[in-house]
Amino acid sequence: MATKRPAKIASKKKGKGSARTCPSCNTDMQMTRVMRFTEGPSGMFWVCTSATCMFVVSKHDVKVGSLLQKTA
């Protein structure tokens, strides 16, 4: 019998295809899972890694805005 190869994991794919830049400050963005605990959107979002910007874009390229402008 032939041995089975381990499955490829999609999270290990890194490169230009999974990278995105912030439309506000042109720094790198990171994919983040947002859970809803009050009113507001939830799901997968791109979040800017800059501490001064924190711009949020949905997975489908809808600009949500900045996390710094939101009030709790």
C-alpha atoms as a PDB file:
ATOM      1  CA  MET A   1       0.000   0.000   0.000  1.00  0.00           C
ATOM      2  CA  ALA A   2       1.097   3.501  -0.718  1.00  0.00           C
ATOM      3  CA  THR A   3       1.574   5.865   2.186  1.00  0.00           C
ATOM      4  CA  LYS A   4      -0.602   8.941   2.316  1.00  0.00           C
ATOM      5  CA  ARG A   5       0.933  12.358   2.107  1.00  0.00           C
ATOM      6  CA  PRO A   6      -0.128  14.895   4.753  1.00  0.00           C
ATOM      7  CA  ALA A   7      -2.692  17.467   3.654  1.00  0.00           C
ATOM      8  CA  LYS A   8      -1.513  20.920   2.675  1.00  0.00           C
ATOM      9  CA  ILE A   9      -2.714  23.574   5.075  1.00  0.00           C
ATOM     10  CA  ALA A  10      -3.980  26.803   3.507  1.00  0.00           C
ATOM     11  CA  SER A  11      -2.760  28.934   6.422  1.00  0.00           C
ATOM     12  CA  LYS A  12       0.841  28.080   5.540  1.00  0.00           C
ATOM     13  CA  LYS A  13       0.537  29.823   2.181  1.00  0.00           C
ATOM     14  CA  LYS A  14       2.373  33.107   2.434  1.00  0.00           C
ATOM     15  CA  GLY A  15       3.262  35.573  -0.238  1.00  0.00           C
ATOM     16  CA  LYS A  16       1.900  38.312  -2.427  1.00  0.00           C
ATOM     17  CA  GLY A  17      -1.511  36.662  -2.886  1.00  0.00           C
ATOM     18  CA  SER A  18      -2.428  36.892   0.774  1.00  0.00           C
ATOM     19  CA  ALA A  19      -0.927  40.321   1.500  1.00  0.00           C
ATOM     20  CA  ARG A  20      -2.845  43.573   1.417  1.00  0.00           C
ATOM     21  CA  THR A  21      -1.925  47.213   2.058  1.00  0.00           C
ATOM     22  CA  CYS A  22      -3.970  49.757   3.981  1.00  0.00           C
ATOM     23  CA  PRO A  23      -5.848  52.235   1.741  1.00  0.00           C
ATOM     24  CA  SER A  24      -5.404  54.938   4.378  1.00  0.00           C
ATOM     25  CA  CYS A  25      -1.700  54.781   5.332  1.00  0.00           C
ATOM     26  CA  ASN A  26      -0.155  52.196   2.917  1.00  0.00           C
ATOM     27  CA  THR A  27       1.132  49.842   5.665  1.00  0.00           C
ATOM     28  CA  ASP A  28       0.548  46.079   5.866  1.00  0.00           C
ATOM     29  CA  MET A  29      -2.844  44.686   6.826  1.00  0.00           C
ATOM     30  CA  GLN A  30      -3.558  41.412   8.627  1.00  0.00           C
ATOM     31  CA  MET A  31      -6.595  39.106   8.331  1.00  0.00           C
ATOM     32  CA  THR A  32      -8.520  38.946  11.614  1.00  0.00           C
ATOM     33  CA  ARG A  33     -11.659  37.171  12.837  1.00  0.00           C
ATOM     34  CA  VAL A  34     -14.110  39.583  14.503  1.00  0.00           C
ATOM     35  CA  MET A  35     -16.727  38.161  16.859  1.00  0.00           C
ATOM     36  CA  ARG A  36     -19.959  40.071  17.493  1.00  0.00           C
ATOM     37  CA  PHE A  37     -20.731  40.756  21.159  1.00  0.00           C
ATOM     38  CA  THR A  38     -22.803  43.934  20.633  1.00  0.00           C
ATOM     39  CA  GLU A  39     -24.327  45.530  17.571  1.00  0.00           C
ATOM     40  CA  GLY A  40     -21.964  45.573  14.644  1.00  0.00           C
ATOM     41  CA  PRO A  41     -20.436  43.398  11.959  1.00  0.00           C
ATOM     42  CA  SER A  42     -18.682  40.086  12.548  1.00  0.00           C
ATOM     43  CA  GLY A  43     -16.652  37.785  10.316  1.00  0.00           C
ATOM     44  CA  MET A  44     -13.275  37.971   8.595  1.00  0.00           C
ATOM     45  CA  PHE A  45     -11.751  41.434   8.210  1.00  0.00           C
ATOM     46  CA  TRP A  46      -8.457  42.944   7.089  1.00  0.00           C
ATOM     47  CA  VAL A  47      -7.096  45.223   9.863  1.00  0.00           C
ATOM     48  CA  CYS A  48      -4.243  47.715   9.483  1.00  0.00           C
ATOM     49  CA  THR A  49      -1.217  46.877  11.659  1.00  0.00           C
ATOM     50  CA  SER A  50      -0.376  50.542  12.295  1.00  0.00           C
ATOM     51  CA  ALA A  51      -1.304  51.666  15.834  1.00  0.00           C
ATOM     52  CA  THR A  52      -2.188  55.145  14.593  1.00  0.00           C
ATOM     53  CA  CYS A  53      -4.508  54.034  11.771  1.00  0.00           C
ATOM     54  CA  MET A  54      -6.302  50.713  12.620  1.00  0.00           C
ATOM     55  CA  PHE A  55      -8.320  50.840   9.368  1.00  0.00           C
ATOM     56  CA  VAL A  56     -10.722  47.924   8.767  1.00  0.00           C
ATOM     57  CA  VAL A  57     -11.698  46.441   5.373  1.00  0.00           C
ATOM     58  CA  SER A  58     -14.055  43.485   4.984  1.00  0.00           C
ATOM     59  CA  LYS A  59     -13.026  40.321   3.172  1.00  0.00           C
ATOM     60  CA  HIS A  60     -15.067  41.505   0.174  1.00  0.00           C
ATOM     61  CA  ASP A  61     -13.284  44.916  -0.083  1.00  0.00           C
ATOM     62  CA  VAL A  62     -15.975  46.959   1.713  1.00  0.00           C
ATOM     63  CA  LYS A  63     -14.312  49.758   3.713  1.00  0.00           C
ATOM     64  CA  VAL A  64     -15.658  49.634   7.286  1.00  0.00           C
ATOM     65  CA  GLY A  65     -13.604  52.515   8.701  1.00  0.00           C
ATOM     66  CA  SER A  66     -11.131  52.944  11.521  1.00  0.00           C
ATOM     67  CA  LEU A  67     -11.326  51.191  14.889  1.00  0.00           C
ATOM     68  CA  LEU A  68     -10.011  54.366  16.518  1.00  0.00           C
ATOM     69  CA  GLN A  69     -13.123  56.353  15.484  1.00  0.00           C
ATOM     70  CA  LYS A  70     -15.544  53.821  17.020  1.00  0.00           C
ATOM     71  CA  THR A  71     -16.953  54.532  20.464  1.00  0.00           C
ATOM     72  CA  ALA A  72     -17.927  51.753  22.846  1.00  0.00           C
END
